[in-house]
């Protein structure tokens, strides 16, 4: 989505023909436009983005936001996004339920193992 925006911006700013500016010749056309129209190109420089892979990876999301931002964008670009979005929702639901069961077990195990509660209350009452 970065390259098409830059191409559209340059085509509109310099009245270029449709199809004359492509992703393959973008750097050469930038150099050409900078040499032939330095004033106009200098005004566009703040709006032009660096569309390199390194720049995209530097702004990548990390941590818990990865599941909600990057994967959602990837699913949107797949062939059958509705199917993958349902599968993705089920995956997150199972992940949440698994985390909840682990936390519940971590709380209930010390309660059932403690002599104070185990002698007064049966295990079934503590576990629910």
N, C-alpha and C. Protein backbone atom coordinates (compact mmCIF):
# COMPACT_ATOMS: atom_id res chain seq x y z
N UNK A 1 0.82 -1.19 0.00
CA UNK A 1 0.00 0.00 0.00
C UNK A 1 0.86 1.26 0.00
N UNK A 2 2.12 1.13 0.34
CA UNK A 2 3.01 2.29 0.37
C UNK A 2 3.38 2.72 -1.05
N UNK A 3 3.78 1.76 -1.88
CA UNK A 3 4.19 2.09 -3.25
C UNK A 3 3.07 2.70 -4.08
N UNK A 4 1.86 2.14 -4.06
CA UNK A 4 0.80 2.78 -4.85
C UNK A 4 0.49 4.21 -4.41
N UNK A 5 0.61 4.51 -3.12
CA UNK A 5 0.37 5.88 -2.66
C UNK A 5 1.44 6.83 -3.18
N UNK A 6 2.70 6.41 -3.15
CA UNK A 6 3.78 7.25 -3.64
C UNK A 6 3.65 7.46 -5.14
N UNK A 7 3.32 6.39 -5.86
CA UNK A 7 3.16 6.49 -7.32
C UNK A 7 2.01 7.43 -7.65
N UNK A 8 0.90 7.31 -6.96
CA UNK A 8 -0.25 8.18 -7.22
C UNK A 8 0.07 9.63 -6.90
N UNK A 9 0.80 9.86 -5.83
CA UNK A 9 1.19 11.22 -5.46
C UNK A 9 2.07 11.85 -6.53
N UNK A 10 3.06 11.10 -7.00
CA UNK A 10 3.95 11.63 -8.04
C UNK A 10 3.22 11.84 -9.36
N UNK A 11 2.34 10.91 -9.72
CA UNK A 11 1.60 11.05 -10.98
C UNK A 11 0.68 12.27 -10.94
N UNK A 12 0.04 12.51 -9.82
CA UNK A 12 -0.85 13.67 -9.72
C UNK A 12 -0.08 14.98 -9.64
N UNK A 13 1.04 14.97 -8.94
CA UNK A 13 1.80 16.21 -8.77
C UNK A 13 2.48 16.65 -10.06
N UNK A 14 2.94 15.70 -10.87
CA UNK A 14 3.69 16.05 -12.07
C UNK A 14 2.91 15.77 -13.36
N UNK A 15 1.64 15.46 -13.27
CA UNK A 15 0.78 15.18 -14.43
C UNK A 15 1.40 14.13 -15.36
N UNK A 16 1.80 13.02 -14.79
CA UNK A 16 2.40 11.94 -15.58
C UNK A 16 1.31 11.06 -16.15
N UNK A 17 1.65 10.37 -17.24
CA UNK A 17 0.69 9.46 -17.87
C UNK A 17 0.42 8.25 -16.97
N UNK A 18 -0.77 7.72 -17.12
CA UNK A 18 -1.13 6.50 -16.40
C UNK A 18 -0.26 5.35 -16.88
N UNK A 19 0.40 4.66 -15.98
CA UNK A 19 1.24 3.53 -16.34
C UNK A 19 2.69 3.91 -16.63
N UNK A 20 3.00 5.20 -16.69
CA UNK A 20 4.39 5.58 -16.96
C UNK A 20 5.26 5.43 -15.73
N UNK A 21 4.65 5.41 -14.58
CA UNK A 21 5.38 5.28 -13.32
C UNK A 21 4.96 3.96 -12.67
N UNK A 22 5.91 3.05 -12.53
CA UNK A 22 5.64 1.74 -11.93
C UNK A 22 6.57 1.52 -10.75
N UNK A 23 6.35 0.43 -10.04
CA UNK A 23 7.20 0.11 -8.89
C UNK A 23 8.63 -0.18 -9.32
N UNK A 24 8.79 -0.70 -10.54
CA UNK A 24 10.12 -1.05 -11.03
C UNK A 24 10.96 0.19 -11.36
N UNK A 25 10.33 1.22 -11.91
CA UNK A 25 11.10 2.40 -12.32
C UNK A 25 10.89 3.58 -11.38
N UNK A 26 10.41 3.33 -10.18
CA UNK A 26 10.11 4.42 -9.25
C UNK A 26 11.36 5.19 -8.85
N UNK A 27 12.44 4.50 -8.52
CA UNK A 27 13.65 5.22 -8.08
C UNK A 27 14.26 6.03 -9.21
N UNK A 28 14.24 5.49 -10.45
CA UNK A 28 14.77 6.26 -11.58
C UNK A 28 13.91 7.49 -11.86
N UNK A 29 12.58 7.32 -11.75
CA UNK A 29 11.69 8.46 -11.99
C UNK A 29 11.83 9.51 -10.89
N UNK A 30 12.08 9.08 -9.67
CA UNK A 30 12.32 10.05 -8.59
C UNK A 30 13.56 10.87 -8.90
N UNK A 31 14.63 10.20 -9.32
CA UNK A 31 15.86 10.92 -9.67
C UNK A 31 15.63 11.86 -10.84
N UNK A 32 14.89 11.41 -11.84
CA UNK A 32 14.60 12.24 -13.02
C UNK A 32 13.77 13.46 -12.63
N UNK A 33 12.74 13.25 -11.83
CA UNK A 33 11.88 14.37 -11.42
C UNK A 33 12.63 15.34 -10.51
N UNK A 34 13.53 14.83 -9.68
CA UNK A 34 14.32 15.69 -8.82
C UNK A 34 15.26 16.55 -9.66
N UNK A 35 15.79 15.99 -10.75
CA UNK A 35 16.71 16.74 -11.60
C UNK A 35 15.98 17.75 -12.48
N UNK A 36 14.80 17.39 -12.98
CA UNK A 36 14.10 18.27 -13.92
C UNK A 36 13.18 19.28 -13.23
N UNK A 37 12.60 18.93 -12.11
CA UNK A 37 11.67 19.82 -11.39
C UNK A 37 12.08 19.90 -9.91
N UNK A 38 13.20 20.55 -9.61
CA UNK A 38 13.68 20.52 -8.22
C UNK A 38 12.76 21.25 -7.23
N UNK A 39 12.14 22.34 -7.66
CA UNK A 39 11.27 23.10 -6.74
C UNK A 39 10.04 22.28 -6.34
N UNK A 40 9.36 21.72 -7.34
CA UNK A 40 8.15 20.95 -7.07
C UNK A 40 8.46 19.68 -6.28
N UNK A 41 9.59 19.05 -6.64
CA UNK A 41 9.96 17.81 -5.95
C UNK A 41 10.31 18.10 -4.49
N UNK A 42 10.96 19.23 -4.23
CA UNK A 42 11.32 19.59 -2.86
C UNK A 42 10.08 19.79 -1.99
N UNK A 43 9.00 20.27 -2.59
CA UNK A 43 7.76 20.45 -1.83
C UNK A 43 7.10 19.11 -1.51
N UNK A 44 7.34 18.10 -2.35
CA UNK A 44 6.72 16.80 -2.14
C UNK A 44 7.51 15.88 -1.21
N UNK A 45 8.77 16.21 -0.97
CA UNK A 45 9.64 15.32 -0.18
C UNK A 45 9.05 14.98 1.20
N UNK A 46 8.45 15.93 1.94
CA UNK A 46 7.88 15.53 3.24
C UNK A 46 6.73 14.51 3.13
N UNK A 47 6.05 14.49 1.99
CA UNK A 47 4.93 13.57 1.81
C UNK A 47 5.37 12.21 1.29
N UNK A 48 6.56 12.14 0.70
CA UNK A 48 7.05 10.88 0.14
C UNK A 48 7.57 9.99 1.26
N UNK A 49 7.17 8.73 1.22
CA UNK A 49 7.61 7.78 2.24
C UNK A 49 8.66 6.86 1.65
N UNK A 50 9.52 6.34 2.53
CA UNK A 50 10.49 5.35 2.13
C UNK A 50 9.80 3.99 2.17
N UNK A 51 9.59 3.38 1.03
CA UNK A 51 8.84 2.13 0.95
C UNK A 51 9.75 0.91 0.92
N UNK A 52 10.75 0.90 1.75
CA UNK A 52 11.65 -0.25 1.78
C UNK A 52 11.18 -1.26 2.81
N UNK A 53 11.65 -2.48 2.67
CA UNK A 53 11.29 -3.55 3.60
C UNK A 53 11.83 -3.26 4.99
N UNK A 54 13.02 -2.69 5.06
CA UNK A 54 13.62 -2.36 6.35
C UNK A 54 12.79 -1.33 7.10
N UNK A 55 12.27 -0.33 6.37
CA UNK A 55 11.44 0.69 7.02
C UNK A 55 10.14 0.09 7.53
N UNK A 56 9.57 -0.85 6.78
CA UNK A 56 8.34 -1.50 7.23
C UNK A 56 8.59 -2.38 8.45
N UNK A 57 9.73 -3.08 8.47
CA UNK A 57 10.03 -3.96 9.60
C UNK A 57 10.38 -3.18 10.85
N UNK A 58 10.93 -1.97 10.69
CA UNK A 58 11.25 -1.15 11.85
C UNK A 58 10.00 -0.67 12.57
N UNK A 59 8.91 -0.51 11.84
CA UNK A 59 7.67 -0.04 12.45
C UNK A 59 6.74 -1.21 12.79
N UNK A 60 7.26 -2.42 12.79
CA UNK A 60 6.43 -3.60 13.04
C UNK A 60 5.93 -3.61 14.48
N UNK A 61 4.77 -4.16 14.65
CA UNK A 61 4.15 -4.26 15.97
C UNK A 61 4.72 -5.48 16.68
N UNK A 62 4.95 -5.34 17.96
CA UNK A 62 5.47 -6.45 18.75
C UNK A 62 4.59 -6.65 19.96
N UNK A 63 4.69 -7.80 20.56
CA UNK A 63 3.96 -8.09 21.78
C UNK A 63 2.53 -8.54 21.52
N UNK A 64 1.65 -8.19 22.45
CA UNK A 64 0.27 -8.66 22.35
C UNK A 64 -0.48 -7.99 21.21
N UNK A 65 -0.08 -6.81 20.80
CA UNK A 65 -0.74 -6.13 19.69
C UNK A 65 -0.55 -6.83 18.37
N UNK A 66 0.44 -7.70 18.29
CA UNK A 66 0.71 -8.43 17.05
C UNK A 66 -0.49 -9.25 16.62
N UNK A 67 -1.16 -9.89 17.56
CA UNK A 67 -2.30 -10.75 17.22
C UNK A 67 -3.47 -9.95 16.69
N UNK A 68 -3.60 -8.72 17.09
CA UNK A 68 -4.78 -7.95 16.71
C UNK A 68 -4.54 -7.01 15.54
N UNK A 69 -3.30 -6.68 15.24
CA UNK A 69 -3.03 -5.71 14.16
C UNK A 69 -2.47 -6.40 12.93
N UNK A 70 -1.34 -7.05 13.08
CA UNK A 70 -0.65 -7.61 11.92
C UNK A 70 -1.40 -8.80 11.34
N UNK A 71 -1.86 -9.72 12.18
CA UNK A 71 -2.58 -10.88 11.66
C UNK A 71 -3.89 -10.48 11.00
N UNK A 72 -4.55 -9.48 11.56
CA UNK A 72 -5.80 -9.01 10.95
C UNK A 72 -5.54 -8.42 9.56
N UNK A 73 -4.45 -7.69 9.41
CA UNK A 73 -4.10 -7.15 8.09
C UNK A 73 -3.76 -8.27 7.12
N UNK A 74 -3.08 -9.29 7.60
CA UNK A 74 -2.73 -10.41 6.72
C UNK A 74 -3.97 -11.18 6.29
N UNK A 75 -4.90 -11.38 7.20
CA UNK A 75 -6.13 -12.10 6.87
C UNK A 75 -6.95 -11.31 5.85
N UNK A 76 -6.95 -10.00 5.98
CA UNK A 76 -7.70 -9.15 5.07
C UNK A 76 -7.22 -9.31 3.63
N UNK A 77 -5.95 -9.60 3.45
CA UNK A 77 -5.37 -9.72 2.10
C UNK A 77 -5.43 -11.13 1.54
N UNK A 78 -5.98 -12.10 2.28
CA UNK A 78 -6.08 -13.48 1.78
C UNK A 78 -7.27 -13.62 0.84
N UNK A 79 -7.35 -14.78 0.19
CA UNK A 79 -8.38 -14.99 -0.82
C UNK A 79 -9.79 -15.11 -0.24
N UNK A 80 -9.95 -15.84 0.86
CA UNK A 80 -11.27 -16.01 1.48
C UNK A 80 -11.18 -15.43 2.89
N UNK A 81 -11.23 -14.11 3.03
CA UNK A 81 -10.99 -13.53 4.36
C UNK A 81 -12.07 -13.86 5.38
N UNK A 82 -13.29 -14.13 4.93
CA UNK A 82 -14.35 -14.45 5.89
C UNK A 82 -14.06 -15.76 6.62
N UNK A 83 -13.61 -16.76 5.86
CA UNK A 83 -13.30 -18.05 6.46
C UNK A 83 -12.14 -17.92 7.45
N UNK A 84 -11.09 -17.24 7.03
CA UNK A 84 -9.93 -17.10 7.90
C UNK A 84 -10.23 -16.23 9.11
N UNK A 85 -11.12 -15.26 8.97
CA UNK A 85 -11.45 -14.43 10.13
C UNK A 85 -12.22 -15.24 11.17
N UNK A 86 -13.10 -16.15 10.73
CA UNK A 86 -13.81 -17.02 11.68
C UNK A 86 -12.82 -17.96 12.36
N UNK A 87 -11.92 -18.55 11.59
CA UNK A 87 -10.91 -19.45 12.18
C UNK A 87 -10.01 -18.69 13.15
N UNK A 88 -9.68 -17.47 12.81
CA UNK A 88 -8.84 -16.63 13.67
C UNK A 88 -9.57 -16.32 14.98
N UNK A 89 -10.86 -16.01 14.88
CA UNK A 89 -11.65 -15.74 16.09
C UNK A 89 -11.71 -16.98 16.98
N UNK A 90 -11.92 -18.15 16.39
CA UNK A 90 -11.97 -19.40 17.17
C UNK A 90 -10.62 -19.66 17.83
N UNK A 91 -9.54 -19.38 17.11
CA UNK A 91 -8.21 -19.57 17.68
C UNK A 91 -8.01 -18.67 18.89
N UNK A 92 -8.38 -17.39 18.78
CA UNK A 92 -8.23 -16.48 19.92
C UNK A 92 -9.14 -16.87 21.08
N UNK A 93 -10.33 -17.37 20.77
CA UNK A 93 -11.24 -17.83 21.82
C UNK A 93 -10.64 -19.02 22.57
N UNK A 94 -10.09 -19.98 21.84
CA UNK A 94 -9.47 -21.15 22.48
C UNK A 94 -8.24 -20.74 23.29
N UNK A 95 -7.49 -19.78 22.78
CA UNK A 95 -6.33 -19.29 23.51
C UNK A 95 -6.75 -18.64 24.82
N UNK A 96 -7.82 -17.87 24.78
CA UNK A 96 -8.33 -17.24 26.00
C UNK A 96 -8.86 -18.24 27.00
N UNK A 97 -9.59 -19.24 26.51
CA UNK A 97 -10.12 -20.27 27.42
C UNK A 97 -8.99 -21.08 28.03
N UNK A 98 -7.98 -21.41 27.24
CA UNK A 98 -6.83 -22.15 27.77
C UNK A 98 -6.09 -21.36 28.83
N UNK A 99 -5.94 -20.06 28.62
CA UNK A 99 -5.28 -19.23 29.63
C UNK A 99 -6.11 -19.16 30.90
N UNK A 100 -7.43 -19.07 30.74
CA UNK A 100 -8.31 -19.00 31.90
C UNK A 100 -8.24 -20.29 32.71
N UNK A 101 -8.23 -21.44 32.03
CA UNK A 101 -8.15 -22.72 32.75
C UNK A 101 -6.82 -22.87 33.47
N UNK A 102 -5.76 -22.39 32.86
CA UNK A 102 -4.46 -22.45 33.52
C UNK A 102 -4.42 -21.58 34.76
N UNK A 103 -5.00 -20.39 34.69
CA UNK A 103 -5.04 -19.51 35.87
C UNK A 103 -5.92 -20.10 36.97
N UNK A 104 -7.03 -20.70 36.59
CA UNK A 104 -7.92 -21.32 37.58
C UNK A 104 -7.21 -22.48 38.28
N UNK A 105 -6.51 -23.30 37.52
CA UNK A 105 -5.78 -24.42 38.12
C UNK A 105 -4.66 -23.92 39.03
N UNK A 106 -4.03 -22.81 38.65
CA UNK A 106 -2.96 -22.26 39.48
C UNK A 106 -3.49 -21.73 40.81
N UNK A 107 -4.73 -21.30 40.83
CA UNK A 107 -5.32 -20.81 42.08
C UNK A 107 -5.88 -21.96 42.92
N UNK A 108 -6.54 -22.91 42.27
CA UNK A 108 -7.21 -23.99 43.01
C UNK A 108 -6.24 -25.03 43.58
N UNK A 109 -5.14 -25.28 42.92
CA UNK A 109 -4.21 -26.30 43.39
C UNK A 109 -3.65 -25.98 44.77
N UNK A 110 -3.15 -24.78 45.03
CA UNK A 110 -2.68 -24.51 46.40
C UNK A 110 -3.80 -24.53 47.44
N UNK A 111 -5.02 -24.15 47.01
CA UNK A 111 -6.14 -24.19 47.97
C UNK A 111 -6.49 -25.62 48.36
N UNK A 112 -6.49 -26.52 47.39
CA UNK A 112 -6.82 -27.91 47.71
C UNK A 112 -5.67 -28.61 48.43
N UNK A 113 -4.45 -28.16 48.22
CA UNK A 113 -3.30 -28.79 48.89
C UNK A 113 -3.09 -28.27 50.31
N UNK A 114 -3.64 -27.13 50.63
CA UNK A 114 -3.42 -26.59 51.98
C UNK A 114 -4.22 -27.41 53.00
N UNK A 115 -3.59 -27.69 54.11
CA UNK A 115 -4.22 -28.52 55.14
C UNK A 115 -5.37 -27.76 55.82
N UNK A 116 -5.26 -26.45 55.85
CA UNK A 116 -6.27 -25.66 56.54
C UNK A 116 -7.64 -25.80 55.86
N UNK A 117 -7.67 -25.67 54.53
CA UNK A 117 -8.94 -25.77 53.81
C UNK A 117 -9.31 -27.21 53.49
N UNK A 118 -8.32 -28.06 53.25
CA UNK A 118 -8.61 -29.44 52.84
C UNK A 118 -9.29 -30.23 53.95
N UNK A 119 -8.98 -29.93 55.21
CA UNK A 119 -9.61 -30.67 56.30
C UNK A 119 -11.03 -30.19 56.57
N UNK A 120 -11.32 -28.94 56.30
CA UNK A 120 -12.65 -28.39 56.60
C UNK A 120 -13.62 -28.46 55.44
N UNK A 121 -13.09 -28.32 54.22
CA UNK A 121 -13.95 -28.31 53.03
C UNK A 121 -13.57 -29.44 52.09
N UNK A 122 -14.53 -30.12 51.52
CA UNK A 122 -14.19 -31.17 50.55
C UNK A 122 -13.66 -30.55 49.25
N UNK A 123 -12.91 -31.34 48.51
CA UNK A 123 -12.29 -30.88 47.27
C UNK A 123 -13.34 -30.43 46.25
N UNK A 124 -14.47 -31.08 46.22
CA UNK A 124 -15.53 -30.73 45.27
C UNK A 124 -16.09 -29.34 45.55
N UNK A 125 -16.16 -28.96 46.81
CA UNK A 125 -16.67 -27.64 47.16
C UNK A 125 -15.69 -26.54 46.77
N UNK A 126 -14.39 -26.80 46.92
CA UNK A 126 -13.38 -25.81 46.54
C UNK A 126 -13.33 -25.65 45.03
N UNK A 127 -13.40 -26.77 44.30
CA UNK A 127 -13.29 -26.73 42.84
C UNK A 127 -14.56 -26.23 42.18
N UNK A 128 -15.65 -26.35 42.83
CA UNK A 128 -16.91 -25.87 42.23
C UNK A 128 -17.68 -26.99 41.71
